[in-house]
C-alpha cells in the first residue's frame, strides 16, 4: 500500500476522523505547545495512532513547500478513484460535475475539491496536462475531500466535454464577458460547470465545446474571483435550484 504525506491540522484531522487506522505515524513539533497542538496530540493518542516528535527541519523536509503548522502524518493513500468511461456509465438526472481547465495551483485545486464535496459533486474532471493533481499542498487545502470526491483525469478535455454532452449532460463554462448569467440556466438535470484559472480563464477550444457560457454577476470593483470561490458560487446555484424543485 502506497503511503502519502498529510501536512497541517486540516488534512491530518480529516483523516483522523475518517480512518485513524490508515495513519502509520504522526510527527509533531515538540516546540509547539499551544492548545490546538495539545488537543490534537490527545486525539491521536486516544485513537491509538503512533505519535513522534520531529523538529522543524525534519518536518520541512517531509512536507516541503507546504505550511505544515508543526504536524505531518504518513498515511495510506485513499484518493477516490473513477475512470472517465465509468463516469459516462453513471450519468443520471442527478449528475453534477465540476470541470477545471488550467487550474495549476495545488492549493486552489484542493480548495475546489473541498467545495465540490460540500455541494455533492459526482466528480471533478481535469486534463492530464496543465492541471494540478493530488499533492501534499492539495491534500491540505482539500481537508479530506480528496478521499471522497473522485478526480477524473482525461487526455483531451475538449473531447471529454463533447462525450459528456452526448451522454445528456448540459455543460456550461464560466466567462466574465458572457451575456447570460449563472442564474439563466435550468440546472435541475445532469449538469457540469467548467471553470478556468483566475486570470487566464477557459481556453478557446474548451469554450467552443461547451453548450453555453455564463458569467457570475459582479457588482463591485473586483473583476475576477478565485477559482475555488467561483466554484462555490456556481455549484450552490445548482444545489439551490435542485432543492427548490423538491420543495
Protein backbone atom coordinates (compact mmCIF):
# COMPACT_ATOMS: atom_id res chain seq x y z
CA UNK A 1 0.00 0.00 0.00
CA UNK A 2 1.41 3.37 -1.03
CA UNK A 3 1.92 5.98 1.70
CA UNK A 4 1.29 9.69 1.27
CA UNK A 5 2.18 12.75 3.30
CA UNK A 6 -0.57 14.71 5.05
CA UNK A 7 0.52 18.11 6.34
CA UNK A 8 -1.32 20.55 8.56
CA UNK A 9 -4.17 20.30 11.05
CA UNK A 10 -6.99 20.16 8.47
CA UNK A 11 -5.52 17.31 6.43
CA UNK A 12 -4.41 15.23 9.41
CA UNK A 13 -7.59 15.95 11.36
CA UNK A 14 -9.81 14.91 8.46
CA UNK A 15 -8.00 11.57 8.08
CA UNK A 16 -8.13 11.03 11.84
CA UNK A 17 -11.92 11.41 11.77
CA UNK A 18 -12.46 9.20 8.74
CA UNK A 19 -9.92 6.41 9.15
CA UNK A 20 -7.42 6.65 12.01
CA UNK A 21 -6.15 3.11 11.38
CA UNK A 22 -4.81 4.23 7.98
CA UNK A 23 -2.33 6.59 9.69
CA UNK A 24 1.00 4.89 10.29
CA UNK A 25 2.62 7.75 12.25
CA UNK A 26 2.21 11.43 13.02
CA UNK A 27 5.20 13.71 13.60
CA UNK A 28 4.69 16.75 15.83
CA UNK A 29 6.90 19.73 16.54
CA UNK A 30 7.73 19.50 20.28
CA UNK A 31 8.34 23.26 20.38
CA UNK A 32 4.68 23.90 19.65
CA UNK A 33 2.76 23.62 22.93
CA UNK A 34 -0.39 25.64 22.25
CA UNK A 35 -3.92 24.40 22.93
CA UNK A 36 -4.56 23.29 19.35
CA UNK A 37 -1.48 21.09 19.32
CA UNK A 38 -2.19 19.66 22.77
CA UNK A 39 -5.72 18.72 21.76
CA UNK A 40 -4.53 17.12 18.53
CA UNK A 41 -1.89 15.11 20.37
CA UNK A 42 -4.54 13.85 22.82
CA UNK A 43 -6.89 12.84 19.98
CA UNK A 44 -4.13 10.99 18.17
CA UNK A 45 -3.07 9.07 21.28
CA UNK A 46 -6.70 8.24 22.14
CA UNK A 47 -7.16 6.83 18.63
CA UNK A 48 -4.09 4.63 19.01
CA UNK A 49 -2.01 6.50 16.44
CA UNK A 50 1.77 6.44 16.85
CA UNK A 51 2.95 9.96 17.71
CA UNK A 52 6.58 11.02 17.36
CA UNK A 53 8.45 14.29 17.88
CA UNK A 54 10.22 15.91 14.95
CA UNK A 55 11.96 19.24 14.79
CA UNK A 56 11.11 21.98 12.30
CA UNK A 57 13.88 21.00 9.92
CA UNK A 58 12.71 17.41 9.68
CA UNK A 59 9.08 18.45 9.18
CA UNK A 60 10.14 20.88 6.45
CA UNK A 61 11.93 18.02 4.71
CA UNK A 62 8.89 15.73 4.93
CA UNK A 63 6.48 18.36 3.57
CA UNK A 64 8.49 20.88 1.53
CA UNK A 65 6.67 23.99 0.30
CA UNK A 66 3.62 23.21 2.45
CA UNK A 67 2.69 25.18 5.61
CA UNK A 68 2.62 22.09 7.83
CA UNK A 69 1.89 24.00 11.08
CA UNK A 70 4.12 21.62 13.00
CA UNK A 71 2.21 18.44 12.17
CA UNK A 72 2.91 15.88 9.43
CA UNK A 73 1.42 12.40 9.03
CA UNK A 74 2.30 9.36 6.98
CA UNK A 75 -0.83 7.53 5.90
CA UNK A 76 -2.21 5.10 3.35
CA UNK A 77 -3.26 6.62 0.04
CA UNK A 78 -7.04 6.79 -0.09
CA UNK A 79 -7.81 9.01 -3.05
CA UNK A 80 -11.27 8.44 -4.52
CA UNK A 81 -10.88 6.95 -8.00
CA UNK A 82 -13.12 6.96 -11.08
CA UNK A 83 -12.36 6.37 -14.75
CA UNK A 84 -13.97 8.52 -17.44
CA UNK A 85 -15.73 5.53 -19.05
CA UNK A 86 -17.17 4.65 -15.65
CA UNK A 87 -18.38 8.22 -15.25
CA UNK A 88 -20.22 8.09 -18.58
CA UNK A 89 -21.97 4.90 -17.43
CA UNK A 90 -23.08 6.60 -14.21
CA UNK A 91 -24.73 9.71 -15.68
CA UNK A 92 -28.22 10.36 -14.24
CA UNK A 93 -30.50 13.38 -13.86
CA UNK A 94 -28.79 14.00 -10.51
CA UNK A 95 -25.32 14.23 -12.02
CA UNK A 96 -23.33 17.34 -11.10
CA UNK A 97 -19.74 17.64 -12.35
CA UNK A 98 -17.08 20.27 -11.81
CA UNK A 99 -14.59 20.61 -14.69
CA UNK A 100 -11.36 22.54 -14.09
CA UNK A 101 -9.43 23.82 -17.10
CA UNK A 102 -5.90 25.02 -16.39
CA UNK A 103 -6.10 25.21 -12.60
CA UNK A 104 -2.44 24.55 -11.78
CA UNK A 105 -2.15 25.86 -8.22
CA UNK A 106 -2.44 22.84 -5.87
CA UNK A 107 -3.97 24.91 -3.08
CA UNK A 108 -6.72 26.21 -5.36
CA UNK A 109 -7.22 22.68 -6.67
CA UNK A 110 -7.58 21.31 -3.15
CA UNK A 111 -9.99 24.06 -2.20
CA UNK A 112 -12.11 23.23 -5.26
CA UNK A 113 -12.26 19.61 -4.13
CA UNK A 114 -13.44 20.76 -0.73
CA UNK A 115 -16.22 22.88 -2.26
CA UNK A 116 -17.17 20.03 -4.60
CA UNK A 117 -17.52 17.64 -1.68
CA UNK A 118 -19.81 20.06 0.17
CA UNK A 119 -22.01 20.55 -2.90
CA UNK A 120 -22.37 16.80 -3.57
CA UNK A 121 -20.48 16.81 -6.85
CA UNK A 122 -20.17 13.42 -8.58
CA UNK A 123 -16.58 14.07 -9.64
CA UNK A 124 -14.04 16.72 -10.59
CA UNK A 125 -12.78 16.40 -14.15
CA UNK A 126 -9.32 17.71 -15.09
CA UNK A 127 -6.92 17.44 -18.04
CA UNK A 128 -3.83 15.27 -17.59
CA UNK A 129 -1.57 18.17 -18.56
CA UNK A 130 -1.81 21.82 -17.48
CA UNK A 131 -3.54 20.92 -14.23
CA UNK A 132 -2.71 20.47 -10.58
CA UNK A 133 -3.06 16.99 -9.16
CA UNK A 134 -3.06 15.44 -5.70
CA UNK A 135 -0.03 16.72 -3.76
CA UNK A 136 0.53 17.40 -0.04
CA UNK A 137 -0.45 21.04 -0.63
CA UNK A 138 -3.67 19.99 -2.39
CA UNK A 139 -4.45 17.47 0.34
CA UNK A 140 -4.04 20.14 2.99
CA UNK A 141 -6.45 22.51 1.23
CA UNK A 142 -8.90 19.71 0.44
CA UNK A 143 -9.19 18.82 4.16
CA UNK A 144 -10.23 15.24 3.41
CA UNK A 145 -12.24 15.89 0.24
CA UNK A 146 -9.63 14.18 -1.96
CA UNK A 147 -10.73 10.93 -0.33
CA UNK A 148 -14.43 11.44 -1.05
CA UNK A 149 -14.58 13.25 -4.41
CA UNK A 150 -13.22 11.28 -7.39
CA UNK A 151 -10.81 13.16 -9.63
CA UNK A 152 -11.24 12.02 -13.24
CA UNK A 153 -8.21 12.75 -15.43
CA UNK A 154 -8.56 12.86 -19.22
CA UNK A 155 -6.02 13.34 -22.00
CA UNK A 156 -8.24 15.59 -24.13
CA UNK A 157 -10.58 17.83 -22.15
CA UNK A 158 -12.42 19.19 -25.19
CA UNK A 159 -13.26 15.67 -26.40
CA UNK A 160 -14.35 14.66 -22.91
CA UNK A 161 -16.76 17.61 -22.79
CA UNK A 162 -18.31 16.52 -26.09
CA UNK A 163 -18.75 12.97 -24.76
CA UNK A 164 -20.45 14.32 -21.65
CA UNK A 165 -22.82 16.34 -23.81
CA UNK A 166 -23.58 13.26 -25.92
CA UNK A 167 -24.40 11.45 -22.66
CA UNK A 168 -27.02 14.08 -21.81
CA UNK A 169 -25.03 16.46 -19.61
CA UNK A 170 -25.51 20.19 -20.11
CA UNK A 171 -22.04 21.75 -19.97
CA UNK A 172 -21.73 25.46 -19.21
CA UNK A 173 -18.43 27.32 -18.92
CA UNK A 174 -17.84 30.49 -16.93
CA UNK A 175 -16.56 33.63 -18.65
CA UNK A 176 -16.66 37.20 -17.43
CA UNK A 177 -17.80 38.54 -20.79
CA UNK A 178 -20.71 36.09 -21.21
CA UNK A 179 -24.07 37.79 -21.77
CA UNK A 180 -26.00 35.18 -19.80
CA UNK A 181 -25.57 34.80 -16.05
CA UNK A 182 -25.28 31.62 -13.99
CA UNK A 183 -28.93 32.15 -12.99
CA UNK A 184 -30.21 31.88 -16.57
CA UNK A 185 -29.82 28.10 -16.87
CA UNK A 186 -32.03 25.21 -15.80
CA UNK A 187 -29.66 23.09 -13.71
CA UNK A 188 -32.08 20.52 -12.33
CA UNK A 189 -30.92 17.72 -14.65
CA UNK A 190 -27.44 16.40 -15.48
CA UNK A 191 -25.20 19.46 -15.41
CA UNK A 192 -21.49 20.35 -15.49
CA UNK A 193 -19.75 23.61 -14.72
CA UNK A 194 -16.41 24.41 -16.38
CA UNK A 195 -14.06 26.87 -14.69
CA UNK A 196 -10.61 28.10 -15.64
CA UNK A 197 -7.85 29.59 -13.57
CA UNK A 198 -8.20 33.13 -12.32
CA UNK A 199 -6.76 35.49 -14.92
CA UNK A 200 -6.38 33.05 -17.83
CA UNK A 201 -9.93 31.71 -17.77
CA UNK A 202 -11.05 28.97 -20.14
CA UNK A 203 -9.04 28.01 -23.19
CA UNK A 204 -10.68 28.87 -26.51
CA UNK A 205 -11.22 25.24 -27.54
CA UNK A 206 -12.81 24.49 -24.18
CA UNK A 207 -15.17 27.43 -24.60
CA UNK A 208 -16.25 26.25 -28.03
CA UNK A 209 -17.05 22.76 -26.76
CA UNK A 210 -19.39 24.00 -24.01
CA UNK A 211 -23.15 24.23 -24.60
CA UNK A 212 -23.02 27.85 -23.47
CA UNK A 213 -21.14 30.36 -21.35
CA UNK A 214 -22.26 32.15 -18.20
CA UNK A 215 -20.95 34.97 -16.07
CA UNK A 216 -21.08 35.48 -12.32
CA UNK A 217 -22.70 38.88 -11.68
CA UNK A 218 -20.08 41.24 -10.20
CA UNK A 219 -21.41 44.37 -8.51
CA UNK A 220 -18.14 45.76 -7.15
CA UNK A 221 -14.79 46.86 -8.48
CA UNK A 222 -13.19 43.40 -8.43
CA UNK A 223 -13.00 41.88 -11.91
CA UNK A 224 -12.50 38.21 -11.07
CA UNK A 225 -12.79 35.65 -8.28
CA UNK A 226 -10.51 32.94 -7.02
CA UNK A 227 -11.48 29.71 -8.79
CA UNK A 228 -12.48 27.94 -5.59
CA UNK A 229 -14.76 30.84 -4.62
CA UNK A 230 -16.26 30.87 -8.11
CA UNK A 231 -16.76 27.09 -7.91
CA UNK A 232 -18.71 27.50 -4.70
CA UNK A 233 -20.95 30.16 -6.21
CA UNK A 234 -21.88 28.22 -9.35
CA UNK A 235 -22.22 24.82 -7.68
CA UNK A 236 -24.50 26.15 -4.99
CA UNK A 237 -26.74 27.79 -7.58
CA UNK A 238 -27.25 24.26 -8.92
CA UNK A 239 -27.86 22.97 -5.39
CA UNK A 240 -30.35 25.80 -4.78
CA UNK A 241 -32.33 25.04 -7.92
CA UNK A 242 -32.48 21.32 -7.13
CA UNK A 243 -33.58 21.88 -3.53
CA UNK A 244 -36.24 24.35 -4.70
CA UNK A 245 -37.57 21.77 -7.18
CA UNK A 246 -38.09 19.28 -4.34
CA UNK A 247 -39.95 21.77 -2.15
